[in-house]
C-alpha atoms as a PDB file:
ATOM      1  CA  MET A   1     159.119  64.584 119.282  1.00  0.00           C
ATOM      2  CA  SER A   2     158.993  61.926 116.985  1.00  0.00           C
ATOM      3  CA  ILE A   3     156.469  61.793 113.633  1.00  0.00           C
ATOM      4  CA  PHE A   4     155.305  58.703 115.133  1.00  0.00           C
ATOM      5  CA  LEU A   5     155.016  59.805 118.771  1.00  0.00           C
ATOM      6  CA  LYS A   6     153.032  63.021 117.274  1.00  0.00           C
ATOM      7  CA  ILE A   7     150.349  60.639 114.702  1.00  0.00           C
ATOM      8  CA  THR A   8     150.198  58.526 118.088  1.00  0.00           C
ATOM      9  CA  LYS A   9     149.149  61.188 120.271  1.00  0.00           C
ATOM     10  CA  TRP A  10     146.541  63.274 117.644  1.00  0.00           C
ATOM     11  CA  ILE A  11     145.237  59.654 117.116  1.00  0.00           C
ATOM     12  CA  ALA A  12     144.518  59.281 121.053  1.00  0.00           C
ATOM     13  CA  ILE A  13     143.130  63.043 121.080  1.00  0.00           C
ATOM     14  CA  THR A  14     140.391  62.521 118.420  1.00  0.00           C
ATOM     15  CA  LEU A  15     139.434  59.015 119.715  1.00  0.00           C
ATOM     16  CA  PHE A  16     139.015  60.288 122.904  1.00  0.00           C
ATOM     17  CA  ALA A  17     136.669  63.677 121.844  1.00  0.00           C
ATOM     18  CA  SER A  18     134.757  60.916 119.870  1.00  0.00           C
ATOM     19  CA  VAL A  19     134.081  59.387 122.766  1.00  0.00           C
ATOM     20  CA  ALA A  20     132.813  61.978 125.080  1.00  0.00           C
ATOM     21  CA  ILE A  21     130.599  63.212 121.737  1.00  0.00           C
ATOM     22  CA  LEU A  22     129.095  59.799 121.407  1.00  0.00           C
ATOM     23  CA  VAL A  23     128.571  59.693 125.250  1.00  0.00           C
ATOM     24  CA  ALA A  24     127.663  63.142 125.271  1.00  0.00           C
ATOM     25  CA  LEU A  25     125.249  62.385 122.683  1.00  0.00           C
ATOM     26  CA  VAL A  26     123.499  59.583 123.970  1.00  0.00           C
ATOM     27  CA  TYR A  27     122.799  60.799 127.816  1.00  0.00           C
ATOM     28  CA  GLY A  28     121.332  63.996 126.017  1.00  0.00           C
ATOM     29  CA  THR A  29     119.166  61.528 123.918  1.00  0.00           C
ATOM     30  CA  GLU A  30     118.013  59.759 126.955  1.00  0.00           C
ATOM     31  CA  LYS A  31     117.325  63.331 128.838  1.00  0.00           C
ATOM     32  CA  TRP A  32     115.239  64.172 125.489  1.00  0.00           C
ATOM     33  CA  GLN A  33     113.047  61.240 126.348  1.00  0.00           C
ATOM     34  CA  GLU A  34     111.578  62.699 129.111  1.00  0.00           C
ATOM     35  CA  PHE A  35     110.287  65.378 127.269  1.00  0.00           C
ATOM     36  CA  GLY A  36     109.144  62.981 124.948  1.00  0.00           C
ATOM     37  CA  VAL A  37     111.512  63.076 122.057  1.00  0.00           C
ATOM     38  CA  ARG A  38     112.440  59.653 120.727  1.00  0.00           C
ATOM     39  CA  GLY A  39     114.360  58.252 117.396  1.00  0.00           C
ATOM     40  CA  CYS A  40     117.456  60.777 117.447  1.00  0.00           C
ATOM     41  CA  PRO A  41     120.218  60.155 114.593  1.00  0.00           C
ATOM     42  CA  ILE A  42     122.746  61.042 116.845  1.00  0.00           C
ATOM     43  CA  LEU A  43     125.781  59.637 114.064  1.00  0.00           C
ATOM     44  CA  VAL A  44     124.970  62.043 112.365  1.00  0.00           C
ATOM     45  CA  TRP A  45     125.678  64.879 114.274  1.00  0.00           C
ATOM     46  CA  LEU A  46     129.342  63.456 113.600  1.00  0.00           C
ATOM     47  CA  THR A  47     129.507  64.409 109.545  1.00  0.00           C
ATOM     48  CA  PRO A  48     129.205  67.842 108.631  1.00  0.00           C
ATOM     49  CA  ILE A  49     125.772  69.131 106.338  1.00  0.00           C
ATOM     50  CA  ARG A  50     125.778  67.576 102.932  1.00  0.00           C
ATOM     51  CA  HIS A  51     124.536  70.432 100.379  1.00  0.00           C
ATOM     52  CA  THR A  52     123.430  68.265  97.997  1.00  0.00           C
ATOM     53  CA  PRO A  53     121.984  69.681  94.872  1.00  0.00           C
ATOM     54  CA  ILE A  54     118.067  70.375  94.693  1.00  0.00           C
ATOM     55  CA  GLN A  55     116.843  68.066  91.923  1.00  0.00           C
ATOM     56  CA  PRO A  56     113.111  68.116  90.145  1.00  0.00           C
ATOM     57  CA  ASN A  57     111.750  65.134  92.053  1.00  0.00           C
ATOM     58  CA  ASP A  58     113.420  66.418  95.646  1.00  0.00           C
ATOM     59  CA  TYR A  59     110.508  67.649  98.226  1.00  0.00           C
ATOM     60  CA  LEU A  60     109.262  68.692 101.290  1.00  0.00           C
ATOM     61  CA  GLN A  61     106.173  67.610 102.835  1.00  0.00           C
ATOM     62  CA  LEU A  62     103.808  68.531 105.329  1.00  0.00           C
ATOM     63  CA  ALA A  63     101.108  66.186 107.042  1.00  0.00           C
ATOM     64  CA  ASN A  64      98.903  68.132 109.205  1.00  0.00           C
ATOM     65  CA  GLY A  65      96.583  66.111 110.733  1.00  0.00           C
ATOM     66  CA  TYR A  66      94.066  67.435 113.832  1.00  0.00           C
ATOM     67  CA  ALA A  67      92.242  65.623 116.141  1.00  0.00           C
ATOM     68  CA  GLY A  68      89.864  66.717 119.334  1.00  0.00           C
ATOM     69  CA  PRO A  69      86.723  68.144 119.958  1.00  0.00           C
ATOM     70  CA  GLY A  70      86.581  70.120 116.830  1.00  0.00           C
ATOM     71  CA  GLY A  71      86.385  66.248 115.033  1.00  0.00           C
ATOM     72  CA  HIS A  72      89.081  65.053 112.468  1.00  0.00           C
ATOM     73  CA  GLY A  73      90.678  66.086 109.493  1.00  0.00           C
ATOM     74  CA  GLY A  74      93.994  67.090 107.872  1.00  0.00           C
ATOM     75  CA  ASP A  75      96.010  68.168 105.036  1.00  0.00           C
ATOM     76  CA  THR A  76      99.062  67.432 102.848  1.00  0.00           C
ATOM     77  CA  ILE A  77     101.050  69.248 101.203  1.00  0.00           C
ATOM     78  CA  ARG A  78     104.341  68.702  98.758  1.00  0.00           C
ATOM     79  CA  VAL A  79     106.667  71.074  97.391  1.00  0.00           C
ATOM     80  CA  TYR A  80     109.040  69.621  95.310  1.00  0.00           C
ATOM     81  CA  GLY A  81     112.181  71.071  93.381  1.00  0.00           C
ATOM     82  CA  ASP A  82     110.853  72.049  90.211  1.00  0.00           C
ATOM     83  CA  GLY A  83     108.049  74.178  91.490  1.00  0.00           C
ATOM     84  CA  ARG A  84     104.755  71.795  91.434  1.00  0.00           C
ATOM     85  CA  ILE A  85     103.412  71.584  94.635  1.00  0.00           C
ATOM     86  CA  ASP A  86     100.416  68.534  95.156  1.00  0.00           C
ATOM     87  CA  ARG A  87      98.617  69.083  97.658  1.00  0.00           C
ATOM     88  CA  ASP A  88      95.225  67.854  99.744  1.00  0.00           C
ATOM     89  CA  THR A  89      92.815  68.461 102.342  1.00  0.00           C
ATOM     90  CA  THR A  90      93.520  64.551 103.822  1.00  0.00           C
ATOM     91  CA  ILE A  91      96.135  62.340 105.209  1.00  0.00           C
ATOM     92  CA  THR A  92      96.834  58.446 103.592  1.00  0.00           C
ATOM     93  CA  PHE A  93      97.978  55.762 106.315  1.00  0.00           C
ATOM     94  CA  ALA A  94     100.402  53.134 105.427  1.00  0.00           C
ATOM     95  CA  ASP A  95      96.734  51.018 105.236  1.00  0.00           C
ATOM     96  CA  GLY A  96      95.469  53.027 102.717  1.00  0.00           C
ATOM     97  CA  PHE A  97      92.753  55.110 105.282  1.00  0.00           C
ATOM     98  CA  VAL A  98      92.592  58.404 104.064  1.00  0.00           C
ATOM     99  CA  MET A  99      91.334  61.088 106.816  1.00  0.00           C
ATOM    100  CA  GLY A 100      89.834  63.896 106.294  1.00  0.00           C
ATOM    101  CA  CYS A 101      87.461  65.717 103.034  1.00  0.00           C
ATOM    102  CA  PRO A 102      89.534  66.323  99.601  1.00  0.00           C
ATOM    103  CA  LEU A 103      89.643  68.696  97.703  1.00  0.00           C
ATOM    104  CA  HIS A 104      88.530  69.275  94.108  1.00  0.00           C
ATOM    105  CA  GLU A 105      90.371  68.005  91.386  1.00  0.00           C
ATOM    106  CA  ALA A 106      91.824  71.728  90.115  1.00  0.00           C
ATOM    107  CA  ASP A 107      92.395  72.561  93.484  1.00  0.00           C
ATOM    108  CA  LYS A 108      94.930  69.808  94.158  1.00  0.00           C
ATOM    109  CA  HIS A 109      97.657  71.005  92.059  1.00  0.00           C
ATOM    110  CA  LEU A 110      99.930  74.511  92.015  1.00  0.00           C
ATOM    111  CA  ARG A 111     102.801  75.909  90.581  1.00  0.00           C
ATOM    112  CA  ILE A 112     105.380  78.101  91.768  1.00  0.00           C
ATOM    113  CA  PRO A 113     108.838  79.024  90.449  1.00  0.00           C
ATOM    114  CA  SER A 114     111.747  76.495  91.001  1.00  0.00           C
ATOM    115  CA  ALA A 115     113.798  78.951  92.213  1.00  0.00           C
ATOM    116  CA  GLN A 116     111.409  79.649  95.068  1.00  0.00           C
ATOM    117  CA  ALA A 117     110.900  75.917  95.528  1.00  0.00           C
ATOM    118  CA  SER A 118     114.124  74.960  95.414  1.00  0.00           C
ATOM    119  CA  ALA A 119     114.842  77.841  98.623  1.00  0.00           C
ATOM    120  CA  ILE A 120     112.473  76.034 100.445  1.00  0.00           C
ATOM    121  CA  ILE A 121     113.580  72.963  99.941  1.00  0.00           C
ATOM    122  CA  ALA A 122     117.274  73.671 100.811  1.00  0.00           C
ATOM    123  CA  LYS A 123     116.206  75.639 104.098  1.00  0.00           C
ATOM    124  CA  ALA A 124     115.603  72.401 105.345  1.00  0.00           C
ATOM    125  CA  ARG A 125     118.294  70.903 104.092  1.00  0.00           C
ATOM    126  CA  ASP A 126     121.072  73.257 105.135  1.00  0.00           C
ATOM    127  CA  GLY A 127     119.188  73.776 108.763  1.00  0.00           C
ATOM    128  CA  GLY A 128     119.915  70.389 109.656  1.00  0.00           C
ATOM    129  CA  PHE A 129     116.623  69.365 109.347  1.00  0.00           C
ATOM    130  CA  CYS A 130     118.397  65.656 108.744  1.00  0.00           C
ATOM    131  CA  ARG A 131     119.799  65.975 112.507  1.00  0.00           C
ATOM    132  CA  LEU A 132     116.564  66.234 113.817  1.00  0.00           C
ATOM    133  CA  CYS A 133     114.716  63.681 115.865  1.00  0.00           C
ATOM    134  CA  ALA A 134     112.312  61.486 114.885  1.00  0.00           C
ATOM    135  CA  ILE A 135     109.445  62.660 117.133  1.00  0.00           C
ATOM    136  CA  TYR A 136     108.845  65.750 119.312  1.00  0.00           C
ATOM    137  CA  SER A 137     105.878  64.523 121.223  1.00  0.00           C
ATOM    138  CA  GLY A 138     104.463  66.262 124.555  1.00  0.00           C
ATOM    139  CA  ARG A 139     102.017  64.991 126.679  1.00  0.00           C
ATOM    140  CA  ALA A 140      98.734  65.643 125.235  1.00  0.00           C
ATOM    141  CA  TYR A 141      96.041  63.745 122.925  1.00  0.00           C
ATOM    142  CA  ASP A 142      94.030  66.440 121.276  1.00  0.00           C
ATOM    143  CA  ALA A 143      96.985  68.716 120.292  1.00  0.00           C
ATOM    144  CA  GLY A 144      97.222  67.101 116.653  1.00  0.00           C
ATOM    145  CA  SER A 145     100.832  65.725 114.184  1.00  0.00           C
ATOM    146  CA  HIS A 146     102.413  68.323 112.562  1.00  0.00           C
ATOM    147  CA  ASP A 147     104.605  65.882 110.097  1.00  0.00           C
ATOM    148  CA  LEU A 148     107.342  67.398 108.034  1.00  0.00           C
ATOM    149  CA  THR A 149     109.118  64.873 105.625  1.00  0.00           C
ATOM    150  CA  LEU A 150     112.817  66.022 103.348  1.00  0.00           C
ATOM    151  CA  ASN A 151     113.238  63.512 100.492  1.00  0.00           C
ATOM    152  CA  ILE A 152     116.511  64.271  98.820  1.00  0.00           C
ATOM    153  CA  GLN A 153     117.803  62.230  95.975  1.00  0.00           C
ATOM    154  CA  GLY A 154     115.890  58.920  97.504  1.00  0.00           C
ATOM    155  CA  LYS A 155     116.875  59.503 101.063  1.00  0.00           C
ATOM    156  CA  SER A 156     114.167  60.555 103.610  1.00  0.00           C
ATOM    157  CA  HIS A 157     114.152  62.117 106.788  1.00  0.00           C
ATOM    158  CA  GLN A 158     110.326  62.241 108.455  1.00  0.00           C
ATOM    159  CA  VAL A 159     110.122  64.204 111.742  1.00  0.00           C
ATOM    160  CA  ILE A 160     106.763  64.590 113.433  1.00  0.00           C
ATOM    161  CA  SER A 161     105.750  66.504 116.183  1.00  0.00           C
ATOM    162  CA  ASN A 162     102.469  67.794 118.293  1.00  0.00           C
ATOM    163  CA  TYR A 163     103.893  71.151 119.349  1.00  0.00           C
ATOM    164  CA  VAL A 164     103.180  69.926 122.696  1.00  0.00           C
ATOM    165  CA  GLY A 165     107.067  70.685 124.396  1.00  0.00           C
ATOM    166  CA  TYR A 166     109.818  71.621 122.356  1.00  0.00           C
ATOM    167  CA  THR A 167     110.066  71.629 118.644  1.00  0.00           C
ATOM    168  CA  PRO A 168     113.280  72.736 117.132  1.00  0.00           C
ATOM    169  CA  PRO A 169     112.940  76.276 115.574  1.00  0.00           C
ATOM    170  CA  ILE A 170     114.272  74.606 111.834  1.00  0.00           C
ATOM    171  CA  PHE A 171     110.499  72.752 111.970  1.00  0.00           C
ATOM    172  CA  ARG A 172     108.575  75.721 112.366  1.00  0.00           C
ATOM    173  CA  GLU A 173     109.788  78.079 110.146  1.00  0.00           C
ATOM    174  CA  VAL A 174     109.755  75.451 107.187  1.00  0.00           C
ATOM    175  CA  GLU A 175     106.448  74.479 108.428  1.00  0.00           C
ATOM    176  CA  ALA A 176     105.420  78.024 107.990  1.00  0.00           C
ATOM    177  CA  ALA A 177     106.974  78.446 104.773  1.00  0.00           C
ATOM    178  CA  ILE A 178     105.180  75.952 103.123  1.00  0.00           C
ATOM    179  CA  LEU A 179     101.795  76.926 104.214  1.00  0.00           C
ATOM    180  CA  GLN A 180     102.429  80.236 102.557  1.00  0.00           C
ATOM    181  CA  LEU A 181     102.850  78.802  99.282  1.00  0.00           C
ATOM    182  CA  SER A 182      99.520  76.995  99.403  1.00  0.00           C
ATOM    183  CA  PRO A 183      97.149  78.932 100.390  1.00  0.00           C
ATOM    184  CA  PRO A 184      93.349  77.738 101.694  1.00  0.00           C
ATOM    185  CA  VAL A 185      90.678  76.818  99.692  1.00  0.00           C
ATOM    186  CA  SER A 186      87.585  78.686 100.948  1.00  0.00           C
ATOM    187  CA  TYR A 187      84.773  75.790 100.834  1.00  0.00           C
ATOM    188  CA  ALA A 188      87.273  73.055 102.440  1.00  0.00           C
ATOM    189  CA  ASN A 189      87.539  74.331 106.030  1.00  0.00           C
ATOM    190  CA  ARG A 190      87.622  71.846 108.846  1.00  0.00           C
ATOM    191  CA  HIS A 191      83.492  72.432 109.850  1.00  0.00           C
ATOM    192  CA  PRO A 192      82.078  73.480 106.347  1.00  0.00           C
ATOM    193  CA  GLU A 193      78.884  75.306 106.314  1.00  0.00           C
ATOM    194  CA  SER A 194      77.565  74.201 102.703  1.00  0.00           C
ATOM    195  CA  PRO A 195      75.295  71.582 103.179  1.00  0.00           C
ATOM    196  CA  GLU A 196      76.816  70.719  99.490  1.00  0.00           C
ATOM    197  CA  ARG A 197      80.606  70.379 101.140  1.00  0.00           C
ATOM    198  CA  LYS A 198      79.095  68.768 104.142  1.00  0.00           C
ATOM    199  CA  ALA A 199      77.329  65.705 102.155  1.00  0.00           C
ATOM    200  CA  GLU A 200      80.229  65.967 100.265  1.00  0.00           C
ATOM    201  CA  CYS A 201      82.479  64.865 103.176  1.00  0.00           C
ATOM    202  CA  LYS A 202      80.199  62.837 104.372  1.00  0.00           C
ATOM    203  CA  ARG A 203      80.265  60.419 101.298  1.00  0.00           C
ATOM    204  CA  PHE A 204      83.520  60.200 100.987  1.00  0.00           C
ATOM    205  CA  GLU A 205      84.177  59.661 104.750  1.00  0.00           C
ATOM    206  CA  ASP A 206      81.030  57.034 104.810  1.00  0.00           C
ATOM    207  CA  THR A 207      83.289  55.154 102.052  1.00  0.00           C
ATOM    208  CA  GLN A 208      86.823  55.547 103.815  1.00  0.00           C
ATOM    209  CA  PHE A 209      85.180  53.433 106.914  1.00  0.00           C
ATOM    210  CA  ALA A 210      83.449  50.689 104.733  1.00  0.00           C
ATOM    211  CA  VAL A 211      86.520  49.894 103.416  1.00  0.00           C
ATOM    212  CA  ASP A 212      88.177  49.793 106.296  1.00  0.00           C
ATOM    213  CA  LYS A 213      85.594  47.712 107.939  1.00  0.00           C
ATOM    214  CA  ILE A 214      86.426  45.471 105.236  1.00  0.00           C
ATOM    215  CA  ARG A 215      90.384  44.988 105.694  1.00  0.00           C
ATOM    216  CA  HIS A 216      90.093  45.372 109.686  1.00  0.00           C
ATOM    217  CA  PRO A 217      86.607  44.331 110.654  1.00  0.00           C
ATOM    218  CA  ASP A 218      88.163  43.953 114.193  1.00  0.00           C
ATOM    219  CA  ARG A 219      88.272  47.427 114.308  1.00  0.00           C
ATOM    220  CA  TYR A 220      84.494  47.548 114.311  1.00  0.00           C
ATOM    221  CA  PRO A 221      82.571  45.418 116.951  1.00  0.00           C
ATOM    222  CA  LEU A 222      78.751  44.942 116.241  1.00  0.00           C
ATOM    223  CA  GLY A 223      76.644  48.118 116.222  1.00  0.00           C
ATOM    224  CA  THR A 224      79.244  50.541 115.696  1.00  0.00           C
ATOM    225  CA  LYS A 225      79.920  52.619 112.119  1.00  0.00           C
END
Protein backbone atom coordinates (compact mmCIF):
# COMPACT_ATOMS: atom_id res chain seq x y z
CA MET A 1 0.00 0.00 0.00
CA SER A 2 1.37 3.41 -0.97
CA ILE A 3 2.05 6.13 1.56
CA PHE A 4 -0.74 8.21 0.02
CA LEU A 5 -3.28 5.43 0.54
CA LYS A 6 -2.09 4.86 4.12
CA ILE A 7 -2.49 8.57 4.94
CA THR A 8 -5.92 8.63 3.32
CA LYS A 9 -6.96 5.55 5.29
CA TRP A 10 -5.90 7.02 8.63
CA ILE A 11 -7.58 10.35 7.85
CA ALA A 12 -10.81 8.51 7.07
CA ILE A 13 -10.57 6.46 10.28
CA THR A 14 -9.87 9.59 12.35
CA LEU A 15 -12.80 11.48 10.82
CA PHE A 16 -15.13 8.52 11.35
CA ALA A 17 -14.05 8.16 14.98
CA SER A 18 -14.47 11.89 15.61
CA VAL A 19 -17.97 11.92 14.13
CA ALA A 20 -18.90 8.81 16.13
CA ILE A 21 -17.69 10.43 19.35
CA LEU A 22 -19.61 13.64 18.64
CA VAL A 23 -22.80 11.73 17.87
CA ALA A 24 -22.42 9.70 21.06
CA LEU A 25 -21.79 12.81 23.13
CA VAL A 26 -24.73 14.70 21.63
CA TYR A 27 -27.02 11.72 22.18
CA GLY A 28 -25.68 11.35 25.68
CA THR A 29 -26.31 15.03 26.37
CA GLU A 30 -29.93 14.69 25.26
CA LYS A 31 -30.36 11.68 27.54
CA TRP A 32 -28.74 13.57 30.43
CA GLN A 33 -31.32 16.34 30.03
CA GLU A 34 -33.97 13.88 31.14
CA PHE A 35 -32.21 13.86 34.53
CA GLY A 36 -31.90 17.64 34.80
CA VAL A 37 -28.37 17.86 33.39
CA ARG A 38 -27.69 20.91 31.22
CA GLY A 39 -24.84 22.80 29.56
CA CYS A 40 -22.46 19.93 28.84
CA PRO A 41 -19.19 21.05 27.16
CA ILE A 42 -19.07 18.36 24.46
CA LEU A 43 -15.95 19.45 22.59
CA VAL A 44 -13.85 19.60 25.77
CA TRP A 45 -13.88 15.80 25.90
CA LEU A 46 -11.96 15.67 22.61
CA THR A 47 -8.91 17.37 24.14
CA PRO A 48 -6.66 16.17 26.99
CA ILE A 49 -6.86 17.78 30.44
CA ARG A 50 -4.43 20.68 30.64
CA HIS A 51 -2.37 20.66 33.83
CA THR A 52 -1.99 24.43 33.85
CA PRO A 53 0.27 25.61 36.71
CA ILE A 54 -1.64 27.08 39.66
CA GLN A 55 -1.04 30.81 40.13
CA PRO A 56 -1.50 32.83 43.38
CA ASN A 57 -4.76 34.44 42.18
CA ASP A 58 -6.30 31.26 40.77
CA TYR A 59 -9.18 30.12 42.93
CA LEU A 60 -11.82 27.55 43.69
CA GLN A 61 -15.09 28.93 45.04
CA LEU A 62 -17.99 27.22 46.75
CA ALA A 63 -21.31 29.04 47.12
CA ASN A 64 -24.13 27.14 48.82
CA GLY A 65 -27.66 28.50 48.99
CA TYR A 66 -30.26 27.09 51.38
CA ALA A 67 -34.01 27.28 50.90
CA GLY A 68 -37.16 25.59 52.11
CA PRO A 69 -39.05 25.47 55.41
CA GLY A 70 -35.89 26.24 57.41
CA GLY A 71 -35.54 29.66 55.85
CA HIS A 72 -33.10 31.20 53.41
CA GLY A 73 -29.38 31.71 53.66
CA GLY A 74 -26.09 30.71 52.19
CA ASP A 75 -22.34 30.76 52.42
CA THR A 76 -19.44 31.47 50.10
CA ILE A 77 -15.86 30.20 50.46
CA ARG A 78 -13.13 31.14 47.98
CA VAL A 79 -9.73 29.42 48.20
CA TYR A 80 -6.86 31.14 46.36
CA GLY A 81 -3.73 29.46 45.06
CA ASP A 82 -1.50 31.38 47.48
CA GLY A 83 -3.40 30.16 50.55
CA ARG A 84 -5.83 33.01 51.11
CA ILE A 85 -9.39 32.06 52.00
CA ASP A 86 -12.17 34.63 51.72
CA ARG A 87 -15.48 33.51 53.11
CA ASP A 88 -18.85 34.78 54.25
CA THR A 89 -22.23 33.43 55.26
CA THR A 90 -23.88 35.14 52.33
CA ILE A 91 -24.37 34.75 48.60
CA THR A 92 -24.32 37.80 46.32
CA PHE A 93 -26.49 37.61 43.21
CA ALA A 94 -25.80 39.23 39.86
CA ASP A 95 -28.14 42.16 40.59
CA GLY A 96 -26.34 42.92 43.85
CA PHE A 97 -28.86 41.37 46.24
CA VAL A 98 -27.14 39.65 49.18
CA MET A 99 -28.83 36.63 50.73
CA GLY A 100 -27.88 35.53 54.22
CA CYS A 101 -26.33 37.21 57.25
CA PRO A 102 -22.67 38.29 57.04
CA LEU A 103 -19.83 37.14 59.23
CA HIS A 104 -18.06 39.67 61.41
CA GLU A 105 -15.08 41.17 59.60
CA ALA A 106 -12.51 39.34 61.74
CA ASP A 107 -13.92 35.97 60.63
CA LYS A 108 -14.06 36.63 56.89
CA HIS A 109 -10.43 35.85 56.08
CA LEU A 110 -8.24 32.81 56.77
CA ARG A 111 -4.79 31.71 55.67
CA ILE A 112 -3.53 28.19 54.92
CA PRO A 113 -0.24 26.96 53.38
CA SER A 114 -0.08 27.74 49.66
CA ALA A 115 0.79 24.10 48.92
CA GLN A 116 -2.45 22.99 50.56
CA ALA A 117 -4.49 25.54 48.65
CA SER A 118 -2.83 24.69 45.33
CA ALA A 119 -3.46 21.00 45.96
CA ILE A 120 -7.22 21.40 46.25
CA ILE A 121 -7.36 23.56 43.11
CA ALA A 122 -5.22 21.02 41.28
CA LYS A 123 -7.55 18.25 42.46
CA ALA A 124 -10.43 19.92 40.66
CA ARG A 125 -8.30 20.66 37.60
CA ASP A 126 -6.90 17.13 37.29
CA GLY A 127 -10.23 15.51 38.15
CA GLY A 128 -11.78 16.92 34.98
CA PHE A 129 -13.87 19.63 36.64
CA CYS A 130 -13.85 21.69 33.43
CA ARG A 131 -15.45 18.74 31.63
CA LEU A 132 -18.49 18.76 33.90
CA CYS A 133 -21.85 20.03 32.72
CA ALA A 134 -23.05 23.41 33.96
CA ILE A 135 -26.10 22.10 35.84
CA TYR A 136 -27.00 18.88 37.63
CA SER A 137 -30.44 19.67 38.97
CA GLY A 138 -33.01 17.05 39.90
CA ARG A 139 -36.65 17.88 40.46
CA ALA A 140 -36.82 19.47 43.89
CA TYR A 141 -37.79 22.94 45.07
CA ASP A 142 -36.31 23.01 48.57
CA ALA A 143 -32.95 21.26 48.13
CA GLY A 144 -30.91 24.44 47.89
CA SER A 145 -28.02 24.93 45.49
CA HIS A 146 -24.36 23.92 45.54
CA ASP A 147 -22.30 26.09 43.21
CA LEU A 148 -18.62 25.43 42.46
CA THR A 149 -16.44 27.69 40.31
CA LEU A 150 -12.89 26.90 39.19
CA ASN A 151 -10.86 29.84 37.90
CA ILE A 152 -7.38 29.19 36.51
CA GLN A 153 -5.47 31.99 34.78
CA GLY A 154 -8.69 33.93 34.17
CA LYS A 155 -10.65 31.04 32.67
CA SER A 156 -13.66 30.05 34.76
CA HIS A 157 -15.93 27.04 34.80
CA GLN A 158 -19.02 27.03 37.00
CA VAL A 159 -21.06 23.97 37.97
CA ILE A 160 -24.32 23.96 39.94
CA SER A 161 -25.98 20.99 41.62
CA ASN A 162 -28.88 20.55 44.02
CA TYR A 163 -27.76 17.00 44.89
CA VAL A 164 -31.10 15.61 43.73
CA GLY A 165 -30.31 12.95 41.16
CA TYR A 166 -26.83 12.51 39.71
CA THR A 167 -23.89 14.66 40.80
CA PRO A 168 -20.33 13.80 39.63
CA PRO A 169 -18.06 12.41 42.37
CA ILE A 170 -15.37 15.06 41.75
CA PHE A 171 -17.93 17.77 42.55
CA ARG A 172 -18.78 16.21 45.91
CA GLU A 173 -15.12 15.52 46.74
CA VAL A 174 -14.02 19.09 46.03
CA GLU A 175 -16.92 20.58 47.98
CA ALA A 176 -16.11 18.41 51.00
CA ALA A 177 -12.43 19.40 50.81
CA ILE A 178 -13.29 23.11 50.75
CA LEU A 179 -15.62 22.82 53.73
CA GLN A 180 -12.85 21.14 55.73
CA LEU A 181 -10.65 24.19 55.17
CA SER A 182 -13.24 26.60 56.56
CA PRO A 183 -14.48 25.58 60.01
CA PRO A 184 -17.90 26.99 60.96
CA VAL A 185 -18.19 30.04 63.18
CA SER A 186 -20.29 29.43 66.29
CA TYR A 187 -22.48 32.55 66.07
CA ALA A 188 -23.16 32.20 62.35
CA ASN A 189 -25.47 29.21 62.04
CA ARG A 190 -28.61 29.29 59.91
CA HIS A 191 -30.87 29.66 62.95
CA PRO A 192 -29.10 32.08 65.33
CA GLU A 193 -30.04 31.65 68.95
CA SER A 194 -28.67 34.80 70.54
CA PRO A 195 -30.90 37.93 70.49
CA GLU A 196 -27.91 40.00 69.39
CA ARG A 197 -27.24 37.87 66.31
CA LYS A 198 -30.93 37.74 65.42
CA ALA A 199 -31.16 41.52 65.57
CA GLU A 200 -27.96 41.86 63.56
CA CYS A 201 -29.30 39.59 60.82
CA LYS A 202 -32.69 41.31 60.82
CA ARG A 203 -31.10 44.73 60.30
CA PHE A 204 -29.00 43.41 57.41
CA GLU A 205 -31.95 41.64 55.80
CA ASP A 206 -34.15 44.75 56.08
CA THR A 207 -31.43 46.83 54.42
CA GLN A 208 -31.13 44.37 51.54
CA PHE A 209 -34.87 44.29 50.93
CA ALA A 210 -35.09 48.09 51.10
CA VAL A 211 -32.39 48.46 48.43
CA ASP A 212 -33.91 45.68 46.33
CA LYS A 213 -37.34 47.31 46.50
CA ILE A 214 -35.88 50.49 45.00
CA ARG A 215 -34.08 48.54 42.26
CA HIS A 216 -36.97 46.22 41.45
CA PRO A 217 -40.29 47.74 42.57
CA ASP A 218 -42.17 45.26 40.36
CA ARG A 219 -41.18 42.46 42.76
CA TYR A 220 -42.98 44.09 45.67
CA PRO A 221 -46.74 44.57 45.29
CA LEU A 222 -48.38 47.00 47.69
CA GLY A 223 -48.52 45.69 51.21
CA THR A 224 -45.50 43.39 50.88
CA LYS A 225 -42.09 43.75 52.51
